[in-house]
mmCIF file of all heavy atoms, coordinates in Angstrom:
data_MODEL
# 
_entry.id   MODEL 
# 
loop_
_atom_site.group_PDB 
_atom_site.id 
_atom_site.type_symbol 
_atom_site.label_atom_id 
_atom_site.label_alt_id 
_atom_site.label_comp_id 
_atom_site.label_asym_id 
_atom_site.label_entity_id 
_atom_site.label_seq_id 
_atom_site.pdbx_PDB_ins_code 
_atom_site.Cartn_x 
_atom_site.Cartn_y 
_atom_site.Cartn_z 
_atom_site.occupancy 
_atom_site.B_iso_or_equiv 
_atom_site.pdbx_formal_charge 
_atom_site.auth_seq_id 
_atom_site.auth_comp_id 
_atom_site.auth_asym_id 
_atom_site.auth_atom_id 
_atom_site.pdbx_PDB_model_num 
ATOM 1   N N   . GLY A 1 1  ? 0.790  -1.247 -0.041  1.00 0.00 ? 1  GLY A N   1 
ATOM 2   C CA  . GLY A 1 1  ? 0.009  -0.045 -0.034  1.00 0.00 ? 1  GLY A CA  1 
ATOM 3   C C   . GLY A 1 1  ? 0.801  1.266  0.016   1.00 0.00 ? 1  GLY A C   1 
ATOM 4   O O   . GLY A 1 1  ? 0.362  2.294  -0.509  1.00 0.00 ? 1  GLY A O   1 
ATOM 5   N N   . PHE A 1 2  ? 2.043  1.228  0.517   1.00 0.00 ? 2  PHE A N   1 
ATOM 6   C CA  . PHE A 1 2  ? 2.870  2.410  0.720   1.00 0.00 ? 2  PHE A CA  1 
ATOM 7   C C   . PHE A 1 2  ? 4.164  2.378  -0.174  1.00 0.00 ? 2  PHE A C   1 
ATOM 8   O O   . PHE A 1 2  ? 4.877  3.440  -0.202  1.00 0.00 ? 2  PHE A O   1 
ATOM 9   C CB  . PHE A 1 2  ? 3.195  2.677  2.129   1.00 0.00 ? 2  PHE A CB  1 
ATOM 10  C CG  . PHE A 1 2  ? 2.036  3.042  2.940   1.00 0.00 ? 2  PHE A CG  1 
ATOM 11  C CD1 . PHE A 1 2  ? 1.332  2.205  3.723   1.00 0.00 ? 2  PHE A CD1 1 
ATOM 12  C CD2 . PHE A 1 2  ? 1.641  4.405  2.914   1.00 0.00 ? 2  PHE A CD2 1 
ATOM 13  C CE1 . PHE A 1 2  ? 0.278  2.600  4.499   1.00 0.00 ? 2  PHE A CE1 1 
ATOM 14  C CE2 . PHE A 1 2  ? 0.523  4.851  3.652   1.00 0.00 ? 2  PHE A CE2 1 
ATOM 15  C CZ  . PHE A 1 2  ? -0.194 3.895  4.434   1.00 0.00 ? 2  PHE A CZ  1 
ATOM 16  N N   . ALA A 1 3  ? 4.488  1.308  -0.820  1.00 0.00 ? 3  ALA A N   1 
ATOM 17  C CA  . ALA A 1 3  ? 5.773  1.194  -1.488  1.00 0.00 ? 3  ALA A CA  1 
ATOM 18  C C   . ALA A 1 3  ? 6.068  2.277  -2.465  1.00 0.00 ? 3  ALA A C   1 
ATOM 19  O O   . ALA A 1 3  ? 7.248  2.839  -2.452  1.00 0.00 ? 3  ALA A O   1 
ATOM 20  C CB  . ALA A 1 3  ? 5.883  -0.169 -2.201  1.00 0.00 ? 3  ALA A CB  1 
ATOM 21  N N   . LYS A 1 4  ? 5.090  2.761  -3.276  1.00 0.00 ? 4  LYS A N   1 
ATOM 22  C CA  . LYS A 1 4  ? 5.356  3.748  -4.246  1.00 0.00 ? 4  LYS A CA  1 
ATOM 23  C C   . LYS A 1 4  ? 5.468  5.143  -3.698  1.00 0.00 ? 4  LYS A C   1 
ATOM 24  O O   . LYS A 1 4  ? 5.853  6.073  -4.444  1.00 0.00 ? 4  LYS A O   1 
ATOM 25  C CB  . LYS A 1 4  ? 4.189  3.684  -5.337  1.00 0.00 ? 4  LYS A CB  1 
ATOM 26  C CG  . LYS A 1 4  ? 4.116  2.428  -6.092  1.00 0.00 ? 4  LYS A CG  1 
ATOM 27  C CD  . LYS A 1 4  ? 2.992  2.485  -7.145  1.00 0.00 ? 4  LYS A CD  1 
ATOM 28  C CE  . LYS A 1 4  ? 2.992  1.133  -7.936  1.00 0.00 ? 4  LYS A CE  1 
ATOM 29  N NZ  . LYS A 1 4  ? 1.851  1.119  -8.899  1.00 0.00 ? 4  LYS A NZ  1 
ATOM 30  N N   . GLU A 1 5  ? 5.153  5.342  -2.382  1.00 0.00 ? 5  GLU A N   1 
ATOM 31  C CA  . GLU A 1 5  ? 5.181  6.687  -1.824  1.00 0.00 ? 5  GLU A CA  1 
ATOM 32  C C   . GLU A 1 5  ? 6.339  6.862  -0.834  1.00 0.00 ? 5  GLU A C   1 
ATOM 33  O O   . GLU A 1 5  ? 6.423  7.946  -0.241  1.00 0.00 ? 5  GLU A O   1 
ATOM 34  C CB  . GLU A 1 5  ? 3.869  6.951  -1.115  1.00 0.00 ? 5  GLU A CB  1 
ATOM 35  C CG  . GLU A 1 5  ? 2.601  6.850  -1.982  1.00 0.00 ? 5  GLU A CG  1 
ATOM 36  C CD  . GLU A 1 5  ? 1.352  7.006  -1.202  1.00 0.00 ? 5  GLU A CD  1 
ATOM 37  O OE1 . GLU A 1 5  ? 1.340  6.765  0.042   1.00 0.00 ? 5  GLU A OE1 1 
ATOM 38  O OE2 . GLU A 1 5  ? 0.295  7.282  -1.774  1.00 0.00 ? 5  GLU A OE2 1 
ATOM 39  N N   . CYS A 1 6  ? 7.140  5.864  -0.662  1.00 0.00 ? 6  CYS A N   1 
ATOM 40  C CA  . CYS A 1 6  ? 8.237  5.909  0.369   1.00 0.00 ? 6  CYS A CA  1 
ATOM 41  C C   . CYS A 1 6  ? 9.389  6.673  -0.085  1.00 0.00 ? 6  CYS A C   1 
ATOM 42  O O   . CYS A 1 6  ? 9.895  6.526  -1.162  1.00 0.00 ? 6  CYS A O   1 
ATOM 43  C CB  . CYS A 1 6  ? 8.633  4.452  0.767   1.00 0.00 ? 6  CYS A CB  1 
ATOM 44  S SG  . CYS A 1 6  ? 7.358  3.575  1.751   1.00 0.00 ? 6  CYS A SG  1 
ATOM 45  N N   . ALA A 1 7  ? 9.864  7.547  0.852   1.00 0.00 ? 7  ALA A N   1 
ATOM 46  C CA  . ALA A 1 7  ? 11.184 8.285  0.608   1.00 0.00 ? 7  ALA A CA  1 
ATOM 47  C C   . ALA A 1 7  ? 12.153 7.404  1.381   1.00 0.00 ? 7  ALA A C   1 
ATOM 48  O O   . ALA A 1 7  ? 11.951 7.009  2.609   1.00 0.00 ? 7  ALA A O   1 
ATOM 49  C CB  . ALA A 1 7  ? 11.092 9.652  1.236   1.00 0.00 ? 7  ALA A CB  1 
ATOM 50  N N   . VAL A 1 8  ? 13.345 7.125  0.846   1.00 0.00 ? 8  VAL A N   1 
ATOM 51  C CA  . VAL A 1 8  ? 14.299 6.157  1.411   1.00 0.00 ? 8  VAL A CA  1 
ATOM 52  C C   . VAL A 1 8  ? 15.623 6.867  1.693   1.00 0.00 ? 8  VAL A C   1 
ATOM 53  O O   . VAL A 1 8  ? 16.225 7.606  0.816   1.00 0.00 ? 8  VAL A O   1 
ATOM 54  C CB  . VAL A 1 8  ? 14.496 4.984  0.458   1.00 0.00 ? 8  VAL A CB  1 
ATOM 55  C CG1 . VAL A 1 8  ? 15.432 3.927  1.102   1.00 0.00 ? 8  VAL A CG1 1 
ATOM 56  C CG2 . VAL A 1 8  ? 13.198 4.366  0.053   1.00 0.00 ? 8  VAL A CG2 1 
ATOM 57  N N   . VAL A 1 9  ? 16.113 6.735  2.929   1.00 0.00 ? 9  VAL A N   1 
ATOM 58  C CA  . VAL A 1 9  ? 17.493 7.308  3.322   1.00 0.00 ? 9  VAL A CA  1 
ATOM 59  C C   . VAL A 1 9  ? 18.451 6.159  3.023   1.00 0.00 ? 9  VAL A C   1 
ATOM 60  O O   . VAL A 1 9  ? 18.369 5.106  3.591   1.00 0.00 ? 9  VAL A O   1 
ATOM 61  C CB  . VAL A 1 9  ? 17.465 7.707  4.785   1.00 0.00 ? 9  VAL A CB  1 
ATOM 62  C CG1 . VAL A 1 9  ? 18.835 8.332  5.146   1.00 0.00 ? 9  VAL A CG1 1 
ATOM 63  C CG2 . VAL A 1 9  ? 16.369 8.751  4.997   1.00 0.00 ? 9  VAL A CG2 1 
ATOM 64  N N   . THR A 1 10 ? 19.499 6.543  2.256   1.00 0.00 ? 10 THR A N   1 
ATOM 65  C CA  . THR A 1 10 ? 20.581 5.463  1.871   1.00 0.00 ? 10 THR A CA  1 
ATOM 66  C C   . THR A 1 10 ? 21.875 5.830  2.452   1.00 0.00 ? 10 THR A C   1 
ATOM 67  O O   . THR A 1 10 ? 22.713 4.923  2.710   1.00 0.00 ? 10 THR A O   1 
ATOM 68  C CB  . THR A 1 10 ? 20.583 5.345  0.372   1.00 0.00 ? 10 THR A CB  1 
ATOM 69  O OG1 . THR A 1 10 ? 20.960 6.642  -0.177  1.00 0.00 ? 10 THR A OG1 1 
ATOM 70  C CG2 . THR A 1 10 ? 19.302 4.850  -0.327  1.00 0.00 ? 10 THR A CG2 1 
ATOM 71  N N   . HIS A 1 11 ? 22.125 7.134  2.676   1.00 0.00 ? 11 HIS A N   1 
ATOM 72  C CA  . HIS A 1 11 ? 23.465 7.538  3.165   1.00 0.00 ? 11 HIS A CA  1 
ATOM 73  C C   . HIS A 1 11 ? 23.332 8.476  4.359   1.00 0.00 ? 11 HIS A C   1 
ATOM 74  O O   . HIS A 1 11 ? 22.236 9.091  4.506   1.00 0.00 ? 11 HIS A O   1 
ATOM 75  C CB  . HIS A 1 11 ? 24.228 8.221  2.051   1.00 0.00 ? 11 HIS A CB  1 
ATOM 76  C CG  . HIS A 1 11 ? 24.625 7.322  0.961   1.00 0.00 ? 11 HIS A CG  1 
ATOM 77  N ND1 . HIS A 1 11 ? 23.779 6.790  0.016   1.00 0.00 ? 11 HIS A ND1 1 
ATOM 78  C CD2 . HIS A 1 11 ? 25.834 6.800  0.623   1.00 0.00 ? 11 HIS A CD2 1 
ATOM 79  C CE1 . HIS A 1 11 ? 24.345 6.074  -0.924  1.00 0.00 ? 11 HIS A CE1 1 
ATOM 80  N NE2 . HIS A 1 11 ? 25.663 6.027  -0.524  1.00 0.00 ? 11 HIS A NE2 1 
ATOM 81  N N   . HIS A 1 12 ? 24.366 8.598  5.109   1.00 0.00 ? 12 HIS A N   1 
ATOM 82  C CA  . HIS A 1 12 ? 24.268 9.484  6.284   1.00 0.00 ? 12 HIS A CA  1 
ATOM 83  C C   . HIS A 1 12 ? 25.327 10.618 6.228   1.00 0.00 ? 12 HIS A C   1 
ATOM 84  O O   . HIS A 1 12 ? 25.522 11.290 7.342   1.00 0.00 ? 12 HIS A O   1 
ATOM 85  C CB  . HIS A 1 12 ? 24.461 8.614  7.538   1.00 0.00 ? 12 HIS A CB  1 
ATOM 86  C CG  . HIS A 1 12 ? 25.824 8.022  7.680   1.00 0.00 ? 12 HIS A CG  1 
ATOM 87  N ND1 . HIS A 1 12 ? 26.888 8.722  8.192   1.00 0.00 ? 12 HIS A ND1 1 
ATOM 88  C CD2 . HIS A 1 12 ? 26.292 6.788  7.402   1.00 0.00 ? 12 HIS A CD2 1 
ATOM 89  C CE1 . HIS A 1 12 ? 27.954 7.923  8.271   1.00 0.00 ? 12 HIS A CE1 1 
ATOM 90  N NE2 . HIS A 1 12 ? 27.661 6.782  7.799   1.00 0.00 ? 12 HIS A NE2 1 
ATOM 91  N N   . ARG A 1 13 ? 26.014 10.786 5.137   1.00 0.00 ? 13 ARG A N   1 
ATOM 92  C CA  . ARG A 1 13 ? 27.039 11.948 5.149   1.00 0.00 ? 13 ARG A CA  1 
ATOM 93  C C   . ARG A 1 13 ? 27.222 12.449 3.767   1.00 0.00 ? 13 ARG A C   1 
ATOM 94  O O   . ARG A 1 13 ? 27.086 11.777 2.726   1.00 0.00 ? 13 ARG A O   1 
ATOM 95  C CB  . ARG A 1 13 ? 28.374 11.333 5.615   1.00 0.00 ? 13 ARG A CB  1 
ATOM 96  C CG  . ARG A 1 13 ? 29.461 12.328 5.856   1.00 0.00 ? 13 ARG A CG  1 
ATOM 97  C CD  . ARG A 1 13 ? 30.572 11.789 6.726   1.00 0.00 ? 13 ARG A CD  1 
ATOM 98  N NE  . ARG A 1 13 ? 31.280 10.634 5.978   1.00 0.00 ? 13 ARG A NE  1 
ATOM 99  C CZ  . ARG A 1 13 ? 31.495 9.456  6.589   1.00 0.00 ? 13 ARG A CZ  1 
ATOM 100 N NH1 . ARG A 1 13 ? 31.056 9.213  7.833   1.00 0.00 ? 13 ARG A NH1 1 
ATOM 101 N NH2 . ARG A 1 13 ? 32.085 8.504  5.903   1.00 0.00 ? 13 ARG A NH2 1 
ATOM 102 N N   . LEU A 1 14 ? 27.505 13.758 3.693   1.00 0.00 ? 14 LEU A N   1 
ATOM 103 C CA  . LEU A 1 14 ? 27.939 14.454 2.411   1.00 0.00 ? 14 LEU A CA  1 
ATOM 104 C C   . LEU A 1 14 ? 29.442 14.729 2.495   1.00 0.00 ? 14 LEU A C   1 
ATOM 105 O O   . LEU A 1 14 ? 30.074 14.685 3.533   1.00 0.00 ? 14 LEU A O   1 
ATOM 106 C CB  . LEU A 1 14 ? 27.157 15.784 2.285   1.00 0.00 ? 14 LEU A CB  1 
ATOM 107 C CG  . LEU A 1 14 ? 25.590 15.675 2.255   1.00 0.00 ? 14 LEU A CG  1 
ATOM 108 C CD1 . LEU A 1 14 ? 25.009 17.112 2.233   1.00 0.00 ? 14 LEU A CD1 1 
ATOM 109 C CD2 . LEU A 1 14 ? 25.120 14.897 0.999   1.00 0.00 ? 14 LEU A CD2 1 
ATOM 110 N N   . MET A 1 15 ? 29.969 15.036 1.406   1.00 0.00 ? 15 MET A N   1 
ATOM 111 C CA  . MET A 1 15 ? 31.380 15.384 1.197   1.00 0.00 ? 15 MET A CA  1 
ATOM 112 C C   . MET A 1 15 ? 31.534 16.358 0.055   1.00 0.00 ? 15 MET A C   1 
ATOM 113 O O   . MET A 1 15 ? 30.699 16.385 -0.860  1.00 0.00 ? 15 MET A O   1 
ATOM 114 C CB  . MET A 1 15 ? 32.231 14.162 1.024   1.00 0.00 ? 15 MET A CB  1 
ATOM 115 C CG  . MET A 1 15 ? 31.905 13.376 -0.278  1.00 0.00 ? 15 MET A CG  1 
ATOM 116 S SD  . MET A 1 15 ? 32.962 11.963 -0.535  1.00 0.00 ? 15 MET A SD  1 
ATOM 117 C CE  . MET A 1 15 ? 34.470 12.707 -1.041  1.00 0.00 ? 15 MET A CE  1 
ATOM 118 N N   . ASN A 1 16 ? 32.545 17.125 0.071   1.00 0.00 ? 16 ASN A N   1 
ATOM 119 C CA  . ASN A 1 16 ? 32.940 18.005 -1.083  1.00 0.00 ? 16 ASN A CA  1 
ATOM 120 C C   . ASN A 1 16 ? 33.370 17.151 -2.230  1.00 0.00 ? 16 ASN A C   1 
ATOM 121 O O   . ASN A 1 16 ? 34.170 16.228 -2.057  1.00 0.00 ? 16 ASN A O   1 
ATOM 122 C CB  . ASN A 1 16 ? 33.970 18.928 -0.638  1.00 0.00 ? 16 ASN A CB  1 
ATOM 123 C CG  . ASN A 1 16 ? 33.533 20.094 0.288   1.00 0.00 ? 16 ASN A CG  1 
ATOM 124 O OD1 . ASN A 1 16 ? 32.436 20.609 0.109   1.00 0.00 ? 16 ASN A OD1 1 
ATOM 125 N ND2 . ASN A 1 16 ? 34.367 20.303 1.277   1.00 0.00 ? 16 ASN A ND2 1 
ATOM 126 N N   . ASP A 1 17 ? 32.839 17.389 -3.388  1.00 0.00 ? 17 ASP A N   1 
ATOM 127 C CA  . ASP A 1 17 ? 33.197 16.657 -4.625  1.00 0.00 ? 17 ASP A CA  1 
ATOM 128 C C   . ASP A 1 17 ? 34.661 16.884 -4.955  1.00 0.00 ? 17 ASP A C   1 
ATOM 129 O O   . ASP A 1 17 ? 35.088 18.062 -5.099  1.00 0.00 ? 17 ASP A O   1 
ATOM 130 C CB  . ASP A 1 17 ? 32.324 17.053 -5.736  1.00 0.00 ? 17 ASP A CB  1 
ATOM 131 C CG  . ASP A 1 17 ? 32.524 16.264 -6.999  1.00 0.00 ? 17 ASP A CG  1 
ATOM 132 O OD1 . ASP A 1 17 ? 33.432 15.434 -6.983  1.00 0.00 ? 17 ASP A OD1 1 
ATOM 133 O OD2 . ASP A 1 17 ? 31.850 16.537 -7.990  1.00 0.00 ? 17 ASP A OD2 1 
ATOM 134 N N   . PRO A 1 18 ? 35.531 15.857 -4.961  1.00 0.00 ? 18 PRO A N   1 
ATOM 135 C CA  . PRO A 1 18 ? 36.917 16.060 -5.377  1.00 0.00 ? 18 PRO A CA  1 
ATOM 136 C C   . PRO A 1 18 ? 37.086 16.836 -6.740  1.00 0.00 ? 18 PRO A C   1 
ATOM 137 O O   . PRO A 1 18 ? 38.148 17.395 -6.972  1.00 0.00 ? 18 PRO A O   1 
ATOM 138 C CB  . PRO A 1 18 ? 37.457 14.643 -5.451  1.00 0.00 ? 18 PRO A CB  1 
ATOM 139 C CG  . PRO A 1 18 ? 36.515 13.781 -4.631  1.00 0.00 ? 18 PRO A CG  1 
ATOM 140 C CD  . PRO A 1 18 ? 35.190 14.485 -4.779  1.00 0.00 ? 18 PRO A CD  1 
ATOM 141 N N   . ASP A 1 19 ? 36.049 16.652 -7.593  1.00 0.00 ? 19 ASP A N   1 
ATOM 142 C CA  . ASP A 1 19 ? 36.185 17.290 -8.916  1.00 0.00 ? 19 ASP A CA  1 
ATOM 143 C C   . ASP A 1 19 ? 35.693 18.761 -8.875  1.00 0.00 ? 19 ASP A C   1 
ATOM 144 O O   . ASP A 1 19 ? 35.562 19.419 -9.948  1.00 0.00 ? 19 ASP A O   1 
ATOM 145 C CB  . ASP A 1 19 ? 35.368 16.491 -9.943  1.00 0.00 ? 19 ASP A CB  1 
ATOM 146 C CG  . ASP A 1 19 ? 35.935 15.070 -10.065 1.00 0.00 ? 19 ASP A CG  1 
ATOM 147 O OD1 . ASP A 1 19 ? 37.175 14.961 -10.037 1.00 0.00 ? 19 ASP A OD1 1 
ATOM 148 O OD2 . ASP A 1 19 ? 35.262 14.135 -10.389 1.00 0.00 ? 19 ASP A OD2 1 
ATOM 149 N N   . GLY A 1 20 ? 35.317 19.226 -7.678  1.00 0.00 ? 20 GLY A N   1 
ATOM 150 C CA  . GLY A 1 20 ? 34.942 20.686 -7.556  1.00 0.00 ? 20 GLY A CA  1 
ATOM 151 C C   . GLY A 1 20 ? 33.513 20.924 -7.995  1.00 0.00 ? 20 GLY A C   1 
ATOM 152 O O   . GLY A 1 20 ? 33.154 22.032 -8.245  1.00 0.00 ? 20 GLY A O   1 
ATOM 153 N N   . ASN A 1 21 ? 32.607 19.887 -7.950  1.00 0.00 ? 21 ASN A N   1 
ATOM 154 C CA  . ASN A 1 21 ? 31.217 20.053 -8.371  1.00 0.00 ? 21 ASN A CA  1 
ATOM 155 C C   . ASN A 1 21 ? 30.304 20.292 -7.168  1.00 0.00 ? 21 ASN A C   1 
ATOM 156 O O   . ASN A 1 21 ? 29.200 19.738 -7.200  1.00 0.00 ? 21 ASN A O   1 
ATOM 157 C CB  . ASN A 1 21 ? 30.754 18.968 -9.235  1.00 0.00 ? 21 ASN A CB  1 
ATOM 158 C CG  . ASN A 1 21 ? 31.517 18.878 -10.509 1.00 0.00 ? 21 ASN A CG  1 
ATOM 159 O OD1 . ASN A 1 21 ? 31.734 19.908 -11.182 1.00 0.00 ? 21 ASN A OD1 1 
ATOM 160 N ND2 . ASN A 1 21 ? 31.940 17.652 -10.967 1.00 0.00 ? 21 ASN A ND2 1 
ATOM 161 N N   . GLY A 1 22 ? 30.768 20.864 -6.141  1.00 0.00 ? 22 GLY A N   1 
ATOM 162 C CA  . GLY A 1 22 ? 29.953 21.155 -4.944  1.00 0.00 ? 22 GLY A CA  1 
ATOM 163 C C   . GLY A 1 22 ? 29.900 19.974 -4.014  1.00 0.00 ? 22 GLY A C   1 
ATOM 164 O O   . GLY A 1 22 ? 30.950 19.273 -3.827  1.00 0.00 ? 22 GLY A O   1 
ATOM 165 N N   . VAL A 1 23 ? 28.810 19.739 -3.311  1.00 0.00 ? 23 VAL A N   1 
ATOM 166 C CA  . VAL A 1 23 ? 28.610 18.735 -2.339  1.00 0.00 ? 23 VAL A CA  1 
ATOM 167 C C   . VAL A 1 23 ? 28.014 17.440 -2.977  1.00 0.00 ? 23 VAL A C   1 
ATOM 168 O O   . VAL A 1 23 ? 27.061 17.529 -3.692  1.00 0.00 ? 23 VAL A O   1 
ATOM 169 C CB  . VAL A 1 23 ? 27.775 19.267 -1.201  1.00 0.00 ? 23 VAL A CB  1 
ATOM 170 C CG1 . VAL A 1 23 ? 27.610 18.189 -0.192  1.00 0.00 ? 23 VAL A CG1 1 
ATOM 171 C CG2 . VAL A 1 23 ? 28.480 20.453 -0.515  1.00 0.00 ? 23 VAL A CG2 1 
ATOM 172 N N   . VAL A 1 24 ? 28.571 16.333 -2.618  1.00 0.00 ? 24 VAL A N   1 
ATOM 173 C CA  . VAL A 1 24 ? 28.009 14.997 -3.120  1.00 0.00 ? 24 VAL A CA  1 
ATOM 174 C C   . VAL A 1 24 ? 27.844 14.055 -1.917  1.00 0.00 ? 24 VAL A C   1 
ATOM 175 O O   . VAL A 1 24 ? 28.367 14.294 -0.779  1.00 0.00 ? 24 VAL A O   1 
ATOM 176 C CB  . VAL A 1 24 ? 28.979 14.357 -4.162  1.00 0.00 ? 24 VAL A CB  1 
ATOM 177 C CG1 . VAL A 1 24 ? 28.991 15.277 -5.406  1.00 0.00 ? 24 VAL A CG1 1 
ATOM 178 C CG2 . VAL A 1 24 ? 30.321 14.161 -3.607  1.00 0.00 ? 24 VAL A CG2 1 
# 
């Protein structure tokens, strides 16, 4: 009933992109 509406958290941290494209 809810599968298509779920927001899923997969990661717990951001980092600066080594290639200089902001935060990834």
